[in-house]
All heavy atoms as atom14 arrays in JSON, in Angstrom:
{
  "sequence": "LREAAHLFAERGWDVDVLTTCASDHHTWANAYPPGT",
  "atom14_mask": [
    [1, 1, 1, 1, 1, 1, 1, 1, 0, 0, 0, 0, 0, 0],
    [1, 1, 1, 1, 1, 1, 1, 1, 1, 1, 1, 0, 0, 0],
    [1, 1, 1, 1, 1, 1, 1, 1, 1, 0, 0, 0, 0, 0],
    [1, 1, 1, 1, 1, 0, 0, 0, 0, 0, 0, 0, 0, 0],
    [1, 1, 1, 1, 1, 0, 0, 0, 0, 0, 0, 0, 0, 0],
    [1, 1, 1, 1, 1, 1, 1, 1, 1, 1, 0, 0, 0, 0],
    [1, 1, 1, 1, 1, 1, 1, 1, 0, 0, 0, 0, 0, 0],
    [1, 1, 1, 1, 1, 1, 1, 1, 1, 1, 1, 0, 0, 0],
    [1, 1, 1, 1, 1, 0, 0, 0, 0, 0, 0, 0, 0, 0],
    [1, 1, 1, 1, 1, 1, 1, 1, 1, 0, 0, 0, 0, 0],
    [1, 1, 1, 1, 1, 1, 1, 1, 1, 1, 1, 0, 0, 0],
    [1, 1, 1, 1, 0, 0, 0, 0, 0, 0, 0, 0, 0, 0],
    [1, 1, 1, 1, 1, 1, 1, 1, 1, 1, 1, 1, 1, 1],
    [1, 1, 1, 1, 1, 1, 1, 1, 0, 0, 0, 0, 0, 0],
    [1, 1, 1, 1, 1, 1, 1, 0, 0, 0, 0, 0, 0, 0],
    [1, 1, 1, 1, 1, 1, 1, 1, 0, 0, 0, 0, 0, 0],
    [1, 1, 1, 1, 1, 1, 1, 0, 0, 0, 0, 0, 0, 0],
    [1, 1, 1, 1, 1, 1, 1, 1, 0, 0, 0, 0, 0, 0],
    [1, 1, 1, 1, 1, 1, 1, 0, 0, 0, 0, 0, 0, 0],
    [1, 1, 1, 1, 1, 1, 1, 0, 0, 0, 0, 0, 0, 0],
    [1, 1, 1, 1, 1, 1, 0, 0, 0, 0, 0, 0, 0, 0],
    [1, 1, 1, 1, 1, 0, 0, 0, 0, 0, 0, 0, 0, 0],
    [1, 1, 1, 1, 1, 1, 0, 0, 0, 0, 0, 0, 0, 0],
    [1, 1, 1, 1, 1, 1, 1, 1, 0, 0, 0, 0, 0, 0],
    [1, 1, 1, 1, 1, 1, 1, 1, 1, 1, 0, 0, 0, 0],
    [1, 1, 1, 1, 1, 1, 1, 1, 1, 1, 0, 0, 0, 0],
    [1, 1, 1, 1, 1, 1, 1, 0, 0, 0, 0, 0, 0, 0],
    [1, 1, 1, 1, 1, 1, 1, 1, 1, 1, 1, 1, 1, 1],
    [1, 1, 1, 1, 1, 0, 0, 0, 0, 0, 0, 0, 0, 0],
    [1, 1, 1, 1, 1, 1, 1, 1, 0, 0, 0, 0, 0, 0],
    [1, 1, 1, 1, 1, 0, 0, 0, 0, 0, 0, 0, 0, 0],
    [1, 1, 1, 1, 1, 1, 1, 1, 1, 1, 1, 1, 0, 0],
    [1, 1, 1, 1, 1, 1, 1, 0, 0, 0, 0, 0, 0, 0],
    [1, 1, 1, 1, 1, 1, 1, 0, 0, 0, 0, 0, 0, 0],
    [1, 1, 1, 1, 0, 0, 0, 0, 0, 0, 0, 0, 0, 0],
    [1, 1, 1, 1, 1, 1, 1, 0, 0, 0, 0, 0, 0, 0]
  ],
  "atom14_positions": [
    [[-44.42, -232.65, 33.21], [-43.75, -232.9, 31.99], [-43.85, -234.4, 31.59], [-43.95, -234.75, 30.44], [-42.3, -232.46, 32.01], [-42.06, -230.93, 31.88], [-40.56, -230.68, 31.6], [-42.87, -230.34, 30.71], [0.0, 0.0, 0.0], [0.0, 0.0, 0.0], [0.0, 0.0, 0.0], [0.0, 0.0, 0.0], [0.0, 0.0, 0.0], [0.0, 0.0, 0.0]],
    [[-43.85, -235.31, 32.58], [-43.89, -236.69, 32.24], [-45.28, -237.06, 31.67], [-45.43, -237.73, 30.66], [-43.65, -237.57, 33.46], [-43.67, -239.05, 33.19], [-43.16, -239.91, 34.33], [-43.09, -241.3, 33.96], [-44.08, -242.19, 34.11], [-45.25, -241.81, 34.67], [-43.94, -243.46, 33.75], [0.0, 0.0, 0.0], [0.0, 0.0, 0.0], [0.0, 0.0, 0.0]],
    [[-46.35, -236.5, 32.31], [-47.71, -236.75, 31.78], [-47.91, -236.07, 30.47], [-48.49, -236.65, 29.55], [-48.73, -236.3, 32.83], [-48.7, -237.17, 34.09], [-49.65, -236.65, 35.18], [-50.38, -235.67, 34.92], [-49.59, -237.18, 36.29], [0.0, 0.0, 0.0], [0.0, 0.0, 0.0], [0.0, 0.0, 0.0], [0.0, 0.0, 0.0], [0.0, 0.0, 0.0]],
    [[-47.42, -234.87, 30.34], [-47.57, -234.12, 29.06], [-46.87, -234.92, 27.95], [-47.37, -234.97, 26.79], [-47.02, -232.73, 29.16], [0.0, 0.0, 0.0], [0.0, 0.0, 0.0], [0.0, 0.0, 0.0], [0.0, 0.0, 0.0], [0.0, 0.0, 0.0], [0.0, 0.0, 0.0], [0.0, 0.0, 0.0], [0.0, 0.0, 0.0], [0.0, 0.0, 0.0]],
    [[-45.67, -235.46, 28.24], [-44.94, -236.19, 27.22], [-45.77, -237.3, 26.61], [-45.88, -237.5, 25.42], [-43.66, -236.75, 27.8], [0.0, 0.0, 0.0], [0.0, 0.0, 0.0], [0.0, 0.0, 0.0], [0.0, 0.0, 0.0], [0.0, 0.0, 0.0], [0.0, 0.0, 0.0], [0.0, 0.0, 0.0], [0.0, 0.0, 0.0], [0.0, 0.0, 0.0]],
    [[-46.41, -238.06, 27.51], [-47.22, -239.2, 27.05], [-48.47, -238.71, 26.3], [-48.86, -239.3, 25.28], [-47.61, -240.11, 28.24], [-46.48, -240.88, 28.76], [-46.11, -242.16, 28.17], [-45.57, -240.69, 29.71], [-45.16, -242.64, 28.86], [-44.73, -241.75, 29.76], [0.0, 0.0, 0.0], [0.0, 0.0, 0.0], [0.0, 0.0, 0.0], [0.0, 0.0, 0.0]],
    [[-49.08, -237.67, 26.75], [-50.32, -237.15, 26.08], [-50.02, -236.47, 24.76], [-50.75, -236.62, 23.83], [-51.03, -236.23, 27.01], [-51.61, -236.95, 28.29], [-52.06, -235.94, 29.32], [-52.71, -237.9, 27.9], [0.0, 0.0, 0.0], [0.0, 0.0, 0.0], [0.0, 0.0, 0.0], [0.0, 0.0, 0.0], [0.0, 0.0, 0.0], [0.0, 0.0, 0.0]],
    [[-48.9, -235.71, 24.67], [-48.47, -235.23, 23.4], [-48.24, -236.4, 22.41], [-48.63, -236.31, 21.21], [-47.19, -234.38, 23.54], [-47.43, -232.97, 23.85], [-46.85, -232.4, 24.97], [-48.18, -232.15, 23.01], [-47.01, -231.05, 25.28], [-48.37, -230.78, 23.32], [-47.84, -230.24, 24.44], [0.0, 0.0, 0.0], [0.0, 0.0, 0.0], [0.0, 0.0, 0.0]],
    [[-47.65, -237.44, 22.87], [-47.38, -238.61, 22.03], [-48.64, -239.27, 21.52], [-48.81, -239.6, 20.36], [-46.49, -239.66, 22.74], [0.0, 0.0, 0.0], [0.0, 0.0, 0.0], [0.0, 0.0, 0.0], [0.0, 0.0, 0.0], [0.0, 0.0, 0.0], [0.0, 0.0, 0.0], [0.0, 0.0, 0.0], [0.0, 0.0, 0.0], [0.0, 0.0, 0.0]],
    [[-49.67, -239.3, 22.39], [-50.98, -239.84, 22.0], [-51.59, -238.95, 20.94], [-52.39, -239.47, 20.12], [-51.92, -239.91, 23.22], [-51.57, -241.02, 24.17], [-52.52, -241.09, 25.37], [-53.57, -240.37, 25.33], [-52.22, -241.79, 26.37], [0.0, 0.0, 0.0], [0.0, 0.0, 0.0], [0.0, 0.0, 0.0], [0.0, 0.0, 0.0], [0.0, 0.0, 0.0]],
    [[-51.29, -237.69, 20.92], [-51.88, -236.78, 19.9], [-50.98, -236.76, 18.65], [-51.28, -235.94, 17.76], [-52.05, -235.36, 20.47], [-53.1, -235.28, 21.52], [-53.42, -233.79, 21.87], [-54.58, -233.71, 22.79], [-55.18, -232.55, 23.07], [-54.76, -231.39, 22.54], [-56.22, -232.51, 23.89], [0.0, 0.0, 0.0], [0.0, 0.0, 0.0], [0.0, 0.0, 0.0]],
    [[-50.01, -237.57, 18.56], [-49.27, -237.69, 17.32], [-47.94, -237.02, 17.3], [-47.25, -237.06, 16.26], [0.0, 0.0, 0.0], [0.0, 0.0, 0.0], [0.0, 0.0, 0.0], [0.0, 0.0, 0.0], [0.0, 0.0, 0.0], [0.0, 0.0, 0.0], [0.0, 0.0, 0.0], [0.0, 0.0, 0.0], [0.0, 0.0, 0.0], [0.0, 0.0, 0.0]],
    [[-47.54, -236.38, 18.4], [-46.23, -235.67, 18.48], [-45.17, -236.74, 18.64], [-45.34, -237.78, 19.32], [-46.18, -234.72, 19.64], [-47.07, -233.54, 19.47], [-48.4, -233.46, 19.74], [-46.67, -232.23, 18.98], [-48.9, -232.17, 19.49], [-47.86, -231.38, 19.05], [-45.48, -231.68, 18.54], [-47.83, -230.08, 18.61], [-45.46, -230.35, 18.18], [-46.65, -229.57, 18.2]],
    [[-43.98, -236.54, 18.1], [-42.81, -237.32, 18.28], [-42.09, -236.65, 19.47], [-41.59, -235.55, 19.4], [-41.93, -237.32, 17.05], [-40.71, -238.16, 17.14], [-40.54, -238.79, 18.19], [-39.92, -238.19, 16.18], [0.0, 0.0, 0.0], [0.0, 0.0, 0.0], [0.0, 0.0, 0.0], [0.0, 0.0, 0.0], [0.0, 0.0, 0.0], [0.0, 0.0, 0.0]],
    [[-42.04, -237.38, 20.65], [-41.62, -236.74, 21.88], [-40.32, -237.35, 22.38], [-40.27, -238.58, 22.55], [-42.69, -236.85, 22.93], [-42.23, -236.16, 24.25], [-44.0, -236.2, 22.45], [0.0, 0.0, 0.0], [0.0, 0.0, 0.0], [0.0, 0.0, 0.0], [0.0, 0.0, 0.0], [0.0, 0.0, 0.0], [0.0, 0.0, 0.0], [0.0, 0.0, 0.0]],
    [[-39.3, -236.54, 22.58], [-38.1, -236.93, 23.28], [-38.06, -236.25, 24.62], [-38.36, -235.03, 24.76], [-36.84, -236.47, 22.56], [-36.49, -237.35, 21.38], [-37.25, -238.31, 21.06], [-35.39, -237.21, 20.79], [0.0, 0.0, 0.0], [0.0, 0.0, 0.0], [0.0, 0.0, 0.0], [0.0, 0.0, 0.0], [0.0, 0.0, 0.0], [0.0, 0.0, 0.0]],
    [[-37.75, -237.04, 25.7], [-37.45, -236.45, 26.99], [-35.94, -236.42, 27.15], [-35.28, -237.53, 27.01], [-38.1, -237.25, 28.15], [-37.54, -236.85, 29.5], [-39.6, -237.07, 28.1], [0.0, 0.0, 0.0], [0.0, 0.0, 0.0], [0.0, 0.0, 0.0], [0.0, 0.0, 0.0], [0.0, 0.0, 0.0], [0.0, 0.0, 0.0], [0.0, 0.0, 0.0]],
    [[-35.4, -235.27, 27.38], [-33.93, -235.11, 27.6], [-33.74, -234.79, 29.07], [-34.25, -233.73, 29.52], [-33.39, -234.02, 26.74], [-33.82, -234.0, 25.21], [-33.2, -232.82, 24.53], [-33.41, -235.32, 24.58], [0.0, 0.0, 0.0], [0.0, 0.0, 0.0], [0.0, 0.0, 0.0], [0.0, 0.0, 0.0], [0.0, 0.0, 0.0], [0.0, 0.0, 0.0]],
    [[-33.08, -235.66, 29.81], [-33.05, -235.46, 31.24], [-31.76, -236.01, 31.82], [-30.85, -236.5, 31.05], [-34.25, -236.18, 31.88], [-34.38, -235.78, 33.3], [-34.16, -237.69, 31.82], [0.0, 0.0, 0.0], [0.0, 0.0, 0.0], [0.0, 0.0, 0.0], [0.0, 0.0, 0.0], [0.0, 0.0, 0.0], [0.0, 0.0, 0.0], [0.0, 0.0, 0.0]],
    [[-31.61, -235.91, 33.11], [-30.4, -236.38, 33.78], [-30.46, -237.85, 34.17], [-31.56, -238.49, 34.1], [-30.06, -235.52, 35.08], [-31.01, -235.89, 36.04], [-30.21, -234.02, 34.76], [0.0, 0.0, 0.0], [0.0, 0.0, 0.0], [0.0, 0.0, 0.0], [0.0, 0.0, 0.0], [0.0, 0.0, 0.0], [0.0, 0.0, 0.0], [0.0, 0.0, 0.0]],
    [[-29.39, -238.36, 34.65], [-29.37, -239.73, 35.21], [-29.69, -239.7, 36.74], [-29.6, -240.73, 37.38], [-28.02, -240.36, 35.05], [-27.54, -240.59, 33.29], [0.0, 0.0, 0.0], [0.0, 0.0, 0.0], [0.0, 0.0, 0.0], [0.0, 0.0, 0.0], [0.0, 0.0, 0.0], [0.0, 0.0, 0.0], [0.0, 0.0, 0.0], [0.0, 0.0, 0.0]],
    [[-30.09, -238.55, 37.28], [-30.29, -238.39, 38.67], [-31.75, -238.81, 39.02], [-32.66, -238.58, 38.28], [-29.96, -237.04, 39.17], [0.0, 0.0, 0.0], [0.0, 0.0, 0.0], [0.0, 0.0, 0.0], [0.0, 0.0, 0.0], [0.0, 0.0, 0.0], [0.0, 0.0, 0.0], [0.0, 0.0, 0.0], [0.0, 0.0, 0.0], [0.0, 0.0, 0.0]],
    [[-31.98, -239.21, 40.29], [-33.3, -239.41, 40.8], [-33.5, -238.55, 42.15], [-34.6, -238.22, 42.45], [-33.59, -240.87, 41.12], [-32.74, -241.39, 42.05], [0.0, 0.0, 0.0], [0.0, 0.0, 0.0], [0.0, 0.0, 0.0], [0.0, 0.0, 0.0], [0.0, 0.0, 0.0], [0.0, 0.0, 0.0], [0.0, 0.0, 0.0], [0.0, 0.0, 0.0]],
    [[-32.41, -238.34, 42.86], [-32.46, -237.66, 44.16], [-32.17, -236.14, 43.97], [-31.05, -235.81, 43.46], [-31.43, -238.31, 45.12], [-31.57, -237.7, 46.51], [-31.51, -236.48, 46.67], [-31.63, -238.55, 47.45], [0.0, 0.0, 0.0], [0.0, 0.0, 0.0], [0.0, 0.0, 0.0], [0.0, 0.0, 0.0], [0.0, 0.0, 0.0], [0.0, 0.0, 0.0]],
    [[-33.06, -235.3, 44.34], [-32.91, -233.85, 44.08], [-32.06, -233.2, 45.17], [-31.88, -231.98, 45.15], [-34.25, -233.18, 44.01], [-35.03, -233.1, 45.27], [-35.62, -234.2, 45.83], [-35.28, -232.08, 46.11], [-36.16, -233.84, 46.94], [-35.98, -232.55, 47.16], [0.0, 0.0, 0.0], [0.0, 0.0, 0.0], [0.0, 0.0, 0.0], [0.0, 0.0, 0.0]],
    [[-31.56, -233.98, 46.12], [-30.59, -233.44, 47.15], [-29.19, -233.65, 46.67], [-28.33, -232.77, 46.69], [-30.84, -234.09, 48.5], [-32.17, -233.71, 49.09], [-32.44, -232.43, 49.5], [-33.23, -234.43, 49.39], [-33.68, -232.4, 50.03], [-34.16, -233.63, 49.98], [0.0, 0.0, 0.0], [0.0, 0.0, 0.0], [0.0, 0.0, 0.0], [0.0, 0.0, 0.0]],
    [[-28.87, -234.89, 46.23], [-27.5, -235.19, 45.83], [-27.25, -235.04, 44.35], [-26.1, -234.84, 43.94], [-27.15, -236.67, 46.23], [-27.95, -237.55, 45.43], [-27.42, -236.9, 47.74], [0.0, 0.0, 0.0], [0.0, 0.0, 0.0], [0.0, 0.0, 0.0], [0.0, 0.0, 0.0], [0.0, 0.0, 0.0], [0.0, 0.0, 0.0], [0.0, 0.0, 0.0]],
    [[-28.25, -235.23, 43.53], [-28.14, -235.21, 42.11], [-27.11, -236.25, 41.62], [-26.48, -236.12, 40.54], [-27.78, -233.84, 41.57], [-28.89, -232.83, 41.82], [-28.9, -231.93, 42.82], [-30.09, -232.71, 41.16], [-30.08, -231.21, 42.76], [-30.84, -231.7, 41.71], [-30.69, -233.36, 40.05], [-32.09, -231.28, 41.34], [-31.95, -232.98, 39.57], [-32.63, -231.96, 40.23]],
    [[-27.01, -237.33, 42.42], [-26.1, -238.44, 42.01], [-26.7, -239.15, 40.83], [-27.93, -239.27, 40.67], [-25.9, -239.38, 43.18], [0.0, 0.0, 0.0], [0.0, 0.0, 0.0], [0.0, 0.0, 0.0], [0.0, 0.0, 0.0], [0.0, 0.0, 0.0], [0.0, 0.0, 0.0], [0.0, 0.0, 0.0], [0.0, 0.0, 0.0], [0.0, 0.0, 0.0]],
    [[-25.81, -239.71, 40.01], [-26.26, -240.52, 38.84], [-26.76, -241.9, 39.31], [-26.02, -242.68, 39.77], [-25.12, -240.69, 37.87], [-24.73, -239.31, 37.23], [-25.53, -238.73, 36.57], [-23.47, -238.9, 37.46], [0.0, 0.0, 0.0], [0.0, 0.0, 0.0], [0.0, 0.0, 0.0], [0.0, 0.0, 0.0], [0.0, 0.0, 0.0], [0.0, 0.0, 0.0]],
    [[-28.11, -242.05, 39.14], [-28.72, -243.28, 39.58], [-29.14, -244.18, 38.43], [-29.3, -245.38, 38.57], [-29.95, -242.98, 40.42], [0.0, 0.0, 0.0], [0.0, 0.0, 0.0], [0.0, 0.0, 0.0], [0.0, 0.0, 0.0], [0.0, 0.0, 0.0], [0.0, 0.0, 0.0], [0.0, 0.0, 0.0], [0.0, 0.0, 0.0], [0.0, 0.0, 0.0]],
    [[-29.31, -243.62, 37.26], [-29.63, -244.36, 36.07], [-28.49, -244.36, 35.08], [-27.66, -243.41, 35.07], [-30.83, -243.7, 35.32], [-32.08, -243.52, 36.12], [-32.36, -242.28, 36.73], [-33.03, -244.54, 36.29], [-33.52, -242.09, 37.47], [-34.17, -244.38, 37.01], [-34.42, -243.14, 37.62], [-35.55, -242.96, 38.34], [0.0, 0.0, 0.0], [0.0, 0.0, 0.0]],
    [[-28.35, -245.38, 34.23], [-27.3, -245.33, 33.21], [-27.59, -244.3, 32.17], [-28.79, -244.09, 31.83], [-27.32, -246.76, 32.66], [-28.74, -247.28, 32.94], [-29.14, -246.62, 34.17], [0.0, 0.0, 0.0], [0.0, 0.0, 0.0], [0.0, 0.0, 0.0], [0.0, 0.0, 0.0], [0.0, 0.0, 0.0], [0.0, 0.0, 0.0], [0.0, 0.0, 0.0]],
    [[-26.6, -243.7, 31.63], [-26.81, -242.74, 30.51], [-27.2, -243.51, 29.23], [-26.91, -244.73, 29.13], [-25.52, -242.07, 30.34], [-24.45, -243.05, 30.84], [-25.16, -243.75, 31.97], [0.0, 0.0, 0.0], [0.0, 0.0, 0.0], [0.0, 0.0, 0.0], [0.0, 0.0, 0.0], [0.0, 0.0, 0.0], [0.0, 0.0, 0.0], [0.0, 0.0, 0.0]],
    [[-27.88, -242.86, 28.35], [-28.25, -243.47, 27.08], [-29.69, -243.33, 26.79], [-30.4, -242.54, 27.46], [0.0, 0.0, 0.0], [0.0, 0.0, 0.0], [0.0, 0.0, 0.0], [0.0, 0.0, 0.0], [0.0, 0.0, 0.0], [0.0, 0.0, 0.0], [0.0, 0.0, 0.0], [0.0, 0.0, 0.0], [0.0, 0.0, 0.0], [0.0, 0.0, 0.0]],
    [[-30.16, -244.06, 25.8], [-31.52, -243.88, 25.26], [-32.37, -245.11, 25.61], [-31.97, -246.24, 25.38], [-31.48, -243.65, 23.73], [-30.68, -242.53, 23.47], [-32.9, -243.42, 23.22], [0.0, 0.0, 0.0], [0.0, 0.0, 0.0], [0.0, 0.0, 0.0], [0.0, 0.0, 0.0], [0.0, 0.0, 0.0], [0.0, 0.0, 0.0], [0.0, 0.0, 0.0]]
  ]
}
């Protein structure tokens, strides 16, 4: 999905990624600040 997001954008799509603040798939702790 990350690669597709960039390649869709290159083809002219307006792309939003909607995701969590987590980086660890074991704890799902918030590692990034929320926001845009």
